[in-house]
Protein backbone atom coordinates (compact mmCIF):
# COMPACT_ATOMS: atom_id res chain seq x y z
CA MET A 1 8.95 14.29 10.88
CA SER A 2 8.62 10.75 12.21
CA ARG A 3 8.61 11.82 15.85
CA LYS A 4 5.36 11.80 17.76
CA SER A 5 3.54 15.06 18.22
CA PRO A 6 3.73 16.46 21.75
CA THR A 7 0.92 15.56 24.11
CA PRO A 8 -1.61 18.42 23.98
CA THR A 9 -2.25 20.50 27.08
CA LYS A 10 -5.36 22.38 28.14
CA SER A 11 -3.90 25.67 27.01
CA SER A 12 -2.76 24.58 23.57
CA PRO A 13 -4.76 25.25 20.38
CA ASP A 14 -4.50 21.58 19.48
CA ALA A 15 -5.97 20.60 22.81
CA ASN A 16 -8.88 22.91 22.13
CA SER A 17 -9.33 21.25 18.74
CA SER A 18 -9.40 17.86 20.42
CA SER A 19 -11.91 19.13 22.96
CA LYS A 20 -14.16 20.40 20.20
CA ALA A 21 -13.97 17.00 18.58
CA GLY A 22 -15.98 15.61 21.50
CA GLY A 23 -15.44 11.92 22.08
CA ILE A 24 -13.13 11.45 19.10
CA ALA A 25 -9.98 12.12 21.12
CA GLY A 26 -11.06 9.70 23.81
CA PHE A 27 -12.16 6.93 21.47
CA PHE A 28 -8.92 7.06 19.47
CA GLU A 29 -6.74 7.69 22.55
CA PHE A 30 -5.08 10.85 21.23
CA GLU A 31 -3.40 11.64 24.55
CA GLN A 32 -1.90 8.17 25.00
CA LEU A 33 -0.61 8.20 21.43
CA GLY A 34 0.80 11.70 21.70
CA THR A 35 -1.31 13.13 18.89
CA ASN A 36 -4.16 15.59 18.43
CA PHE A 37 -7.10 16.35 16.17
CA ARG A 38 -5.26 18.73 13.85
CA THR A 39 -2.33 16.35 13.36
CA GLU A 40 -4.63 13.41 12.61
CA VAL A 41 -6.63 15.38 10.04
CA LEU A 42 -3.46 16.60 8.35
CA ALA A 43 -2.05 13.07 8.30
CA GLY A 44 -5.26 11.70 6.80
CA VAL A 45 -5.29 14.32 4.06
CA THR A 46 -1.62 13.67 3.31
CA THR A 47 -2.18 9.92 3.00
CA PHE A 48 -5.14 10.49 0.70
CA VAL A 49 -3.36 12.94 -1.59
CA THR A 50 -0.37 10.61 -1.80
CA MET A 51 -2.67 7.71 -2.73
CA ALA A 52 -5.08 9.66 -4.94
CA TYR A 53 -3.29 8.50 -8.08
CA ILE A 54 -4.99 5.10 -7.68
CA LEU A 55 -8.31 6.72 -8.61
CA ALA A 56 -6.97 7.24 -12.11
CA VAL A 57 -4.44 4.42 -12.45
CA ASN A 58 -6.57 1.46 -11.32
CA PRO A 59 -9.52 2.28 -13.62
CA ASP A 60 -7.10 2.86 -16.49
CA ILE A 61 -5.47 -0.57 -16.07
CA LEU A 62 -8.72 -2.48 -15.64
CA SER A 63 -10.78 -0.63 -18.26
CA GLN A 64 -8.20 -0.66 -21.05
CA ALA A 65 -7.05 -4.24 -20.49
CA VAL A 66 -10.32 -5.90 -19.56
CA PHE A 67 -13.67 -4.23 -19.56
CA LEU A 68 -13.37 -2.31 -22.82
CA GLN A 69 -13.53 -5.66 -24.57
CA GLU A 70 -17.21 -6.12 -23.86
CA SER A 71 -18.92 -3.20 -22.24
CA GLY A 72 -17.50 0.02 -23.65
CA ASP A 73 -15.83 2.76 -21.64
CA LEU A 74 -16.33 1.93 -17.97
CA PHE A 75 -13.62 4.22 -16.62
CA GLY A 76 -16.05 6.31 -14.59
CA GLU A 77 -17.69 3.23 -13.09
CA LEU A 78 -14.28 1.86 -12.11
CA VAL A 79 -13.41 5.17 -10.44
CA PHE A 80 -16.53 4.71 -8.31
CA ALA A 81 -15.67 1.08 -7.49
CA THR A 82 -12.08 2.01 -6.67
CA ALA A 83 -12.99 4.94 -4.43
CA ILE A 84 -15.82 3.25 -2.53
CA SER A 85 -13.95 -0.01 -1.93
CA ALA A 86 -11.02 2.04 -0.63
CA ALA A 87 -13.33 4.14 1.56
CA ILE A 88 -15.04 1.11 3.12
CA ALA A 89 -11.84 -0.83 3.77
CA THR A 90 -10.08 2.22 5.23
CA LEU A 91 -13.10 3.00 7.40
CA VAL A 92 -12.98 -0.53 8.86
CA MET A 93 -9.25 -0.08 9.46
CA GLY A 94 -9.83 3.20 11.30
CA ILE A 95 -12.79 2.21 13.47
CA TYR A 96 -12.17 -1.50 14.03
CA ALA A 97 -8.36 -1.75 14.02
CA LYS A 98 -7.73 1.90 15.03
CA TYR A 99 -4.62 2.18 12.87
CA PRO A 100 -3.69 5.09 10.56
CA PHE A 101 -3.38 2.79 7.55
CA ALA A 102 -5.26 3.26 4.30
CA LEU A 103 -6.35 0.64 1.78
CA ALA A 104 -7.28 0.62 -1.90
CA PRO A 105 -7.15 -1.75 -4.89
CA GLY A 106 -3.54 -2.89 -4.97
CA MET A 107 -1.04 -1.88 -7.62
CA GLY A 108 0.70 -4.82 -9.26
CA ILE A 109 -2.05 -7.27 -8.41
CA ASN A 110 -4.44 -5.21 -10.60
CA ALA A 111 -2.04 -5.58 -13.52
CA TYR A 112 -1.76 -9.31 -12.82
CA PHE A 113 -5.57 -9.52 -12.76
CA ALA A 114 -5.95 -7.73 -16.08
CA PHE A 115 -2.99 -8.79 -18.18
CA SER A 116 -2.07 -12.23 -16.83
CA VAL A 117 -5.38 -13.68 -15.68
CA VAL A 118 -7.90 -12.22 -18.13
CA LEU A 119 -5.84 -11.56 -21.23
CA GLY A 120 -3.06 -14.11 -20.64
CA LEU A 121 -5.07 -17.10 -19.44
CA GLY A 122 -8.25 -16.10 -21.25
CA ILE A 123 -10.34 -16.28 -18.07
CA ASP A 124 -13.56 -14.27 -18.26
CA TRP A 125 -13.28 -11.08 -16.19
CA ARG A 126 -16.41 -12.00 -14.25
CA VAL A 127 -14.84 -15.29 -13.21
CA ALA A 128 -11.65 -13.45 -12.25
CA LEU A 129 -13.72 -11.15 -10.06
CA ALA A 130 -15.33 -14.24 -8.53
CA ALA A 131 -11.82 -15.52 -7.65
CA VAL A 132 -11.08 -12.21 -5.93
CA PHE A 133 -14.39 -12.45 -4.06
CA VAL A 134 -13.58 -15.98 -2.85
CA GLU A 135 -10.11 -14.79 -1.85
CA GLY A 136 -11.74 -12.12 0.31
CA LEU A 137 -13.97 -14.68 2.02
CA ILE A 138 -10.95 -16.90 2.72
CA PHE A 139 -9.14 -13.90 4.19
CA ILE A 140 -12.10 -13.15 6.46
CA ALA A 141 -11.91 -16.72 7.77
CA MET A 142 -8.13 -16.46 8.20
CA SER A 143 -8.51 -13.19 10.09
CA LEU A 144 -11.13 -14.66 12.43
CA THR A 145 -8.79 -17.54 13.25
CA LYS A 146 -5.89 -15.12 13.76
CA MET A 147 -3.79 -17.08 11.27
CA ARG A 148 -2.48 -13.96 9.56
CA SER A 149 -1.65 -12.21 12.84
CA ARG A 150 0.40 -15.27 13.85
CA ILE A 151 2.45 -14.78 10.70
CA VAL A 152 3.22 -11.20 11.77
CA ALA A 153 4.21 -12.35 15.26
CA ALA A 154 6.49 -15.05 13.80
CA ILE A 155 8.53 -12.66 11.65
CA PRO A 156 11.98 -12.22 13.25
CA ASP A 157 12.71 -8.68 14.47
CA CYS A 158 15.54 -8.22 11.98
CA LEU A 159 13.19 -9.01 9.08
CA LYS A 160 10.58 -6.61 10.48
CA HIS A 161 13.11 -3.77 10.39
CA ALA A 162 14.45 -4.94 7.03
CA THR A 163 10.94 -4.89 5.61
CA ALA A 164 10.44 -1.32 6.78
CA ALA A 165 13.72 -0.26 5.17
CA GLY A 166 12.96 -2.25 2.02
CA ILE A 167 9.58 -0.57 1.69
CA GLY A 168 11.38 2.75 2.05
CA LEU A 169 13.63 1.90 -0.88
CA PHE A 170 10.61 0.57 -2.80
CA ILE A 171 8.74 3.84 -2.33
CA ALA A 172 11.81 5.84 -3.32
CA TYR A 173 12.31 3.65 -6.39
CA ILE A 174 8.73 4.29 -7.49
CA ALA A 175 9.31 8.01 -6.96
CA LEU A 176 12.47 8.07 -9.07
CA THR A 177 11.10 5.88 -11.89
CA SER A 178 7.36 5.71 -12.46
CA ASN A 179 6.52 9.07 -10.94
CA SER A 180 9.34 11.27 -12.18
CA GLY A 181 11.53 9.74 -14.91
CA ILE A 182 14.68 10.60 -12.96
CA ILE A 183 15.73 6.96 -13.36
CA VAL A 184 14.78 5.15 -16.60
CA THR A 185 15.37 1.78 -18.21
CA SER A 186 18.46 1.20 -20.33
CA GLU A 187 19.36 -1.69 -22.63
CA ALA A 188 23.04 -1.21 -21.86
CA THR A 189 22.98 -0.76 -18.08
CA THR A 190 19.42 -1.88 -17.12
CA THR A 191 18.75 1.52 -15.52
CA THR A 192 20.28 4.94 -15.95
CA LEU A 193 19.62 8.62 -15.39
CA GLY A 194 16.64 9.94 -17.30
CA ASN A 195 16.42 12.98 -19.48
CA LEU A 196 17.20 15.81 -17.09
CA GLY A 197 15.96 18.24 -19.68
CA ASP A 198 12.47 16.78 -19.64
CA PRO A 199 10.03 19.27 -18.05
CA ASN A 200 8.32 16.58 -15.96
CA THR A 201 11.64 15.31 -14.62
CA LEU A 202 12.77 18.86 -13.84
CA MET A 203 9.51 19.47 -12.00
CA ALA A 204 10.05 16.32 -9.94
CA ILE A 205 13.56 17.47 -9.04
CA ALA A 206 12.23 20.92 -8.11
CA GLY A 207 9.52 19.28 -6.04
CA ILE A 208 12.08 17.17 -4.18
CA LEU A 209 14.03 20.32 -3.29
CA ILE A 210 10.87 22.18 -2.25
CA THR A 211 9.55 19.31 -0.12
CA ALA A 212 12.96 18.58 1.40
CA ALA A 213 13.26 22.25 2.37
CA PHE A 214 9.89 22.14 4.17
CA VAL A 215 10.90 18.93 5.94
CA ALA A 216 14.32 20.31 6.90
CA ARG A 217 12.65 23.35 8.44
CA ARG A 218 10.26 20.97 10.27
CA ILE A 219 7.23 22.80 8.92
CA LYS A 220 3.99 21.12 9.96
CA GLY A 221 2.31 19.53 6.97
CA ALA A 222 5.51 19.60 4.94
CA LEU A 223 4.60 16.59 2.81
CA LEU A 224 1.12 17.82 1.90
CA ILE A 225 2.41 21.32 1.22
CA GLY A 226 5.11 19.81 -0.99
CA ILE A 227 2.53 17.95 -3.10
CA LEU A 228 0.29 20.99 -3.53
CA ALA A 229 3.16 23.41 -4.19
CA THR A 230 4.71 21.15 -6.82
CA ALA A 231 1.37 20.53 -8.55
CA LEU A 232 0.52 24.23 -8.57
CA LEU A 233 3.94 25.14 -9.97
CA GLY A 234 3.49 22.57 -12.72
CA TRP A 235 0.05 23.97 -13.61
CA ILE A 236 1.29 27.56 -13.65
CA LEU A 237 4.27 26.71 -15.89
CA GLY A 238 2.05 24.74 -18.24
CA ILE A 239 3.96 21.50 -17.69
CA ALA A 240 0.82 19.77 -16.46
CA PRO A 241 -2.69 20.69 -17.61
CA TRP A 242 -4.93 22.60 -15.23
CA PRO A 243 -7.87 20.60 -13.87
CA GLU A 244 -10.69 20.46 -16.40
CA GLY A 245 -13.11 20.92 -13.56
CA ILE A 246 -13.52 20.55 -9.85
CA VAL A 247 -16.77 18.68 -9.36
CA GLY A 248 -18.26 15.91 -11.48
CA PHE A 249 -21.18 13.54 -11.05
CA PRO A 250 -20.13 9.98 -10.22
CA ALA A 251 -20.83 7.13 -12.61
CA PHE A 252 -22.46 4.33 -10.62
CA PRO A 253 -21.06 0.87 -11.51
CA VAL A 254 -24.26 -0.53 -12.97
CA ASN A 255 -22.35 -2.67 -15.50
CA ILE A 256 -19.70 -4.13 -13.19
CA ALA A 257 -21.21 -4.29 -9.69
CA GLY A 258 -22.37 -7.80 -8.83
CA GLN A 259 -20.60 -9.41 -11.79
CA ALA A 260 -18.46 -11.43 -9.35
CA PHE A 261 -21.60 -13.38 -8.45
CA VAL A 262 -22.28 -13.98 -12.14
CA GLY A 263 -18.71 -15.25 -12.41
CA LEU A 264 -19.26 -17.73 -9.59
CA GLY A 265 -21.81 -19.48 -11.77
CA GLN A 266 -19.29 -19.74 -14.61
CA VAL A 267 -16.39 -21.15 -12.60
CA PHE A 268 -16.69 -24.74 -13.80
CA SER A 269 -16.89 -23.71 -17.46
CA ASN A 270 -13.28 -22.45 -17.13
CA ASN A 271 -10.07 -24.36 -16.52
CA ILE A 272 -10.44 -25.16 -12.81
CA TRP A 273 -6.70 -25.72 -12.34
CA ASN A 274 -5.92 -22.32 -13.81
CA LEU A 275 -8.46 -20.79 -11.47
CA LEU A 276 -6.94 -22.52 -8.44
CA ALA A 277 -3.51 -21.27 -9.47
CA VAL A 278 -4.90 -17.74 -9.88
CA LEU A 279 -6.61 -17.93 -6.48
CA PHE A 280 -3.34 -19.06 -4.88
CA VAL A 281 -1.47 -16.10 -6.40
CA PHE A 282 -4.14 -13.67 -5.20
CA LEU A 283 -3.94 -15.17 -1.70
CA PHE A 284 -0.15 -15.22 -1.63
CA VAL A 285 0.52 -11.72 -2.93
CA ASP A 286 -2.19 -10.03 -0.90
CA THR A 287 -1.27 -11.83 2.32
CA PHE A 288 2.41 -11.05 2.25
CA ASP A 289 2.13 -7.59 0.72
CA THR A 290 -0.22 -6.71 3.56
CA VAL A 291 1.94 -8.45 6.17
CA GLY A 292 4.97 -6.57 4.88
CA THR A 293 3.19 -3.22 4.79
CA LEU A 294 1.64 -3.56 8.24
CA THR A 295 4.94 -4.70 9.69
CA GLY A 296 7.09 -2.09 7.98
CA VAL A 297 4.86 0.91 8.57
CA GLY A 298 3.95 -0.44 12.02
CA VAL A 299 7.61 -0.50 13.01
CA LYS A 300 8.06 3.06 11.76
CA ALA A 301 5.02 4.28 13.69
CA GLY A 302 6.11 2.50 16.87
CA PHE A 303 3.12 0.12 16.95
CA VAL A 304 5.13 -3.12 17.11
CA ASP A 305 5.54 -4.00 20.79
CA GLU A 306 8.52 -5.40 22.71
CA LYS A 307 7.45 -8.93 21.78
CA GLY A 308 7.68 -8.04 18.10
CA GLU A 309 3.92 -8.26 17.71
CA LEU A 310 1.49 -5.83 16.12
CA PRO A 311 -1.46 -5.34 18.50
CA ARG A 312 -4.87 -5.68 16.84
CA ALA A 313 -3.24 -7.35 13.82
CA SER A 314 -6.32 -9.53 13.31
CA GLN A 315 -8.53 -6.44 13.11
CA ALA A 316 -6.15 -4.85 10.59
CA PHE A 317 -6.26 -7.97 8.44
CA MET A 318 -10.04 -8.02 8.69
CA ALA A 319 -10.13 -4.54 7.13
CA ASP A 320 -8.07 -5.89 4.24
CA ALA A 321 -10.36 -8.93 3.88
CA VAL A 322 -13.57 -6.90 3.99
CA GLY A 323 -12.15 -4.43 1.46
CA THR A 324 -11.22 -7.22 -0.95
CA THR A 325 -14.66 -8.84 -0.67
CA VAL A 326 -16.54 -5.55 -1.11
CA GLY A 327 -14.21 -4.46 -3.89
CA ALA A 328 -14.83 -7.64 -5.88
CA ALA A 329 -18.59 -7.21 -5.44
CA LEU A 330 -18.32 -3.64 -6.75
CA GLY A 331 -16.16 -4.71 -9.69
CA THR A 332 -12.51 -4.12 -8.87
CA SER A 333 -9.46 -6.24 -8.09
CA THR A 334 -7.90 -7.10 -4.73
CA VAL A 335 -7.81 -4.39 -2.05
CA ALA A 336 -4.62 -4.11 0.01
CA THR A 337 -3.01 -1.94 2.68
CA TYR A 338 -0.96 0.79 1.00
CA ILE A 339 2.67 1.61 1.69
CA GLU A 340 1.73 5.25 1.06
CA SER A 341 0.17 5.12 4.53
CA ALA A 342 3.71 5.88 5.65
CA ALA A 343 3.24 9.44 4.35
CA GLY A 344 0.49 10.08 6.90
CA VAL A 345 2.45 8.35 9.64
CA SER A 346 5.41 10.60 8.82
CA GLU A 347 3.12 13.60 9.30
CA GLY A 348 2.36 12.39 12.83
CA GLY A 349 -0.72 10.25 12.24
CA ARG A 350 -0.93 7.66 15.01
CA SER A 351 -4.59 6.75 15.45
CA GLY A 352 -7.45 5.32 13.48
CA PHE A 353 -8.82 8.82 13.00
CA THR A 354 -6.15 9.37 10.34
CA ALA A 355 -7.72 6.47 8.42
CA ILE A 356 -11.22 7.87 9.00
CA VAL A 357 -10.19 11.16 7.37
CA THR A 358 -8.66 9.31 4.43
CA SER A 359 -11.79 7.17 4.11
CA VAL A 360 -14.09 10.20 4.00
CA LEU A 361 -11.91 11.81 1.34
CA PHE A 362 -12.03 8.64 -0.77
CA ALA A 363 -15.82 8.66 -0.52
CA LEU A 364 -15.97 12.34 -1.49
CA ALA A 365 -13.46 11.76 -4.28
CA ILE A 366 -16.15 10.31 -6.56
CA PHE A 367 -17.44 13.88 -6.85
CA PHE A 368 -13.99 15.44 -7.38
CA THR A 369 -12.40 13.09 -9.89
CA PRO A 370 -11.62 15.89 -12.40
CA LEU A 371 -9.57 17.77 -9.79
CA LEU A 372 -7.79 14.79 -8.28
CA SER A 373 -6.87 13.25 -11.61
CA ALA A 374 -5.10 16.50 -12.50
CA ILE A 375 -2.46 16.11 -9.77
CA PRO A 376 0.55 15.01 -11.85
CA PRO A 377 2.80 12.11 -10.84
CA PHE A 378 5.79 14.43 -10.48
CA ALA A 379 3.95 16.15 -7.61
CA THR A 380 3.73 12.98 -5.51
CA ALA A 381 7.25 11.75 -6.35
CA PRO A 382 8.98 14.10 -3.85
CA VAL A 383 6.77 12.93 -0.99
CA LEU A 384 7.40 9.27 -1.76
CA LEU A 385 11.14 9.91 -1.83
CA ILE A 386 11.13 11.71 1.53
CA VAL A 387 9.01 8.97 3.10
CA GLY A 388 11.55 6.47 1.75
CA VAL A 389 14.30 8.37 3.55
CA LEU A 390 12.38 8.28 6.82
CA MET A 391 11.62 4.56 6.59
CA ALA A 392 15.17 3.58 5.64
CA GLY A 393 16.26 4.57 9.14
CA SER A 394 15.01 1.20 10.38
CA ILE A 395 18.23 -0.45 9.20
CA THR A 396 19.96 0.86 12.33
CA GLU A 397 17.91 -1.61 14.38
CA ILE A 398 19.41 -4.63 12.58
CA ASP A 399 22.33 -6.50 14.12
CA TRP A 400 24.81 -6.21 11.28
CA ASN A 401 27.44 -8.14 13.24
CA ASP A 402 25.41 -11.36 13.12
CA PRO A 403 25.55 -12.84 9.58
CA ALA A 404 22.47 -14.99 10.23
CA GLU A 405 20.49 -11.78 10.72
CA SER A 406 22.33 -9.29 8.52
CA ILE A 407 22.36 -11.42 5.34
CA PRO A 408 18.61 -12.25 5.32
CA SER A 409 17.88 -8.63 6.24
CA PHE A 410 20.02 -7.28 3.43
CA LEU A 411 18.46 -9.68 0.92
CA THR A 412 14.97 -8.59 2.02
CA ILE A 413 15.88 -4.91 1.69
CA LEU A 414 17.43 -5.52 -1.72
CA PHE A 415 14.75 -7.76 -3.23
CA ILE A 416 11.72 -5.65 -2.28
CA PRO A 417 12.53 -2.77 -4.67
CA LEU A 418 14.36 -4.82 -7.30
CA SER A 419 11.59 -7.42 -7.63
CA PHE A 420 9.00 -4.64 -7.31
CA SER A 421 7.24 -6.76 -4.71
CA ILE A 422 7.10 -6.70 -0.92
CA ALA A 423 6.00 -10.34 -0.98
CA GLU A 424 9.04 -11.51 -2.96
CA GLY A 425 11.42 -9.65 -0.67
CA LEU A 426 9.83 -11.26 2.37
CA ALA A 427 10.05 -14.65 0.65
CA VAL A 428 13.81 -14.39 0.20
CA GLY A 429 14.24 -13.27 3.80
CA PHE A 430 12.05 -16.05 5.18
CA ILE A 431 13.93 -18.74 3.23
CA SER A 432 17.45 -17.56 4.10
CA TYR A 433 16.86 -16.72 7.78
CA PRO A 434 16.11 -20.20 9.22
CA ILE A 435 18.72 -21.85 7.00
CA LEU A 436 21.49 -19.57 8.27
CA LYS A 437 20.27 -19.90 11.85
CA ALA A 438 20.41 -23.69 11.51
CA ILE A 439 23.95 -23.51 10.10
CA GLN A 440 24.91 -21.50 13.20
CA GLY A 441 23.47 -24.29 15.34
CA LYS A 442 20.58 -22.07 16.48
CA ALA A 443 17.70 -23.78 14.73
CA HIS A 444 15.90 -24.07 18.08
CA GLU A 445 15.69 -20.27 18.26
CA THR A 446 13.58 -20.11 15.11
CA ASP A 447 9.79 -20.24 15.42
CA ILE A 448 8.22 -23.27 13.72
CA THR A 449 5.99 -20.87 11.78
CA VAL A 450 9.09 -19.41 10.11
CA TRP A 451 10.16 -22.90 8.98
CA ILE A 452 6.70 -23.62 7.59
CA LEU A 453 6.57 -20.31 5.72
CA ALA A 454 10.10 -20.85 4.40
CA ALA A 455 8.99 -24.21 2.98
CA VAL A 456 5.89 -22.61 1.44
CA PHE A 457 7.95 -19.85 -0.17
CA LEU A 458 10.51 -22.35 -1.44
CA LEU A 459 7.83 -24.57 -2.97
CA ARG A 460 6.31 -21.54 -4.64
CA PHE A 461 9.66 -20.61 -6.25
CA VAL A 462 10.05 -24.22 -7.44
CA PHE A 463 6.55 -24.11 -8.89
CA LEU A 464 7.29 -20.84 -10.70
CA ALA A 465 10.55 -22.25 -12.08
CA LEU A 466 8.80 -25.34 -13.43
CA GLU A 467 6.01 -23.20 -14.89
CA ILE A 468 8.49 -20.91 -16.67
CA GLY A 469 10.51 -23.89 -17.87
CA ALA A 470 7.40 -25.47 -19.34
C-alpha cells in the first residue's frame, strides 16, 4: 500500500483521468511523482474520512470546557471554525507546499487550551485565543526566516526514521485505546485488554480484519473501503446509531469569530508571566509536533532527500502558521499537521492535490456534519492500526549496531506513544543523541543546531520539574 502508483500511460484509464483534469496533473507533477488523478482523489478522501472525527471532538472539548461558561451552546459554531480553519490551512499546504498533508486544530493542544489554560490558570478564553493568534504570527515569521525548516534539516537520519516509526506506534495506540477499547486502563497493570464482549470493541476487531483483508489483497482504496464497510456494518447491527440526517445548515461563528482580537486588549489584565508560559507551550508543542509529523510522514512518502532534508519545508510550515492564525481569528485552538495524513499517503497520495481534495471536503463538511459525526470511532480504528503497521517499517533504516544511534532512536520510538506526544518523544531523542555521540568521541559529527535544541529541551524538562515540585 505504501508503494508509489505506476506512472500512467496514454492508454490507461488513469492517464485519461489526468488528461481530463487539464493542468492539474502538470501543476502537481503527477508523472514525476508516479501518481494520477484517481489515486490523488482517493487519497484525499481517505485522509479526510480518517480525520473527520475532529469535526465532532474539537468542538466538544472546547464548548464543554470553555465556551459553555459564558455564551451557551456554541458547538455548531465551533464545527464551522474547526472545518474552515482546517480547509484553509490544508489548501495552503496543497497549493503552496504541494504536499499531501492535511491540517486541523490539534488534538492534545486543544485539551491543554481548554482544561489547563482556561480552567486551570483561570485565563479568559478570549485572551487564550489571543495567545494562539500571536503564536501563529510568530510561526509566520519563523517560516519566512526558514528557522523551522533548519530544524528539520538538523534532525539526524536515525531520529527521522525513529519518528516515523514512533508515529506509527502512536497511531496504533490511539486505534487500540481511544477508538476501540481493545486496550484499556488498569489500576493493577496500567493497561490491559478491554472487554472483548463489548459491541464497540467487537466491531473494531471485525473492522481490523475487514480492512486488513482488503489491504492484503491490495485492493485499491482499501483503507477508505474499510472505514465505510465497518461504519455501515455497525449501523446495520444497531451498534452505532444511523445518521440523524445528511445535510444541515452551518452555524456561523458569530459569537466566537474575532474574539482573539478582543483578547489582545485584555492581555495586561491577566498574569503576564502565565501568558508567556502558555505562549511558550503553544510554540513548543506545535513546532515539534509539526516537525515530527512532517518528518515522519515525509520519510514514509519518500519526500526526504538524500541530504535528509524535506524540500519546501518552509512552505509546509507556512501552511501550519497560516492555519493557526486563521483558526484563532475564527475561534479555535492551534492548527497542526495531522499524523492521519499518513492514511492518504498509504493510499498512494503523493502530491498537493491530495491536500486540495481534503481541503474541499473540510469546507463542504459544514453542510454534512450530521452524516460525518455519525461515523463511529471503531470505524476509523482499523485504518489507524494499518497505517501504524506501514509506518513502523521505517525502523529497518536505523543502524541498530551503533548504540549512539540505536538508543536515541529506540527512546524516541518508545516515548512518542507512551507520553502521547510527538514533541516529547523528539525531546528525549534530541537530548540523548548528541550526548552519546560525544561519549563516542564523535561530537564534531553532530550539527550545532542539535546541541542547541538538546539544551532547549533539557531546560524545558528542568522547568517542568521545578513547576511540578512547586
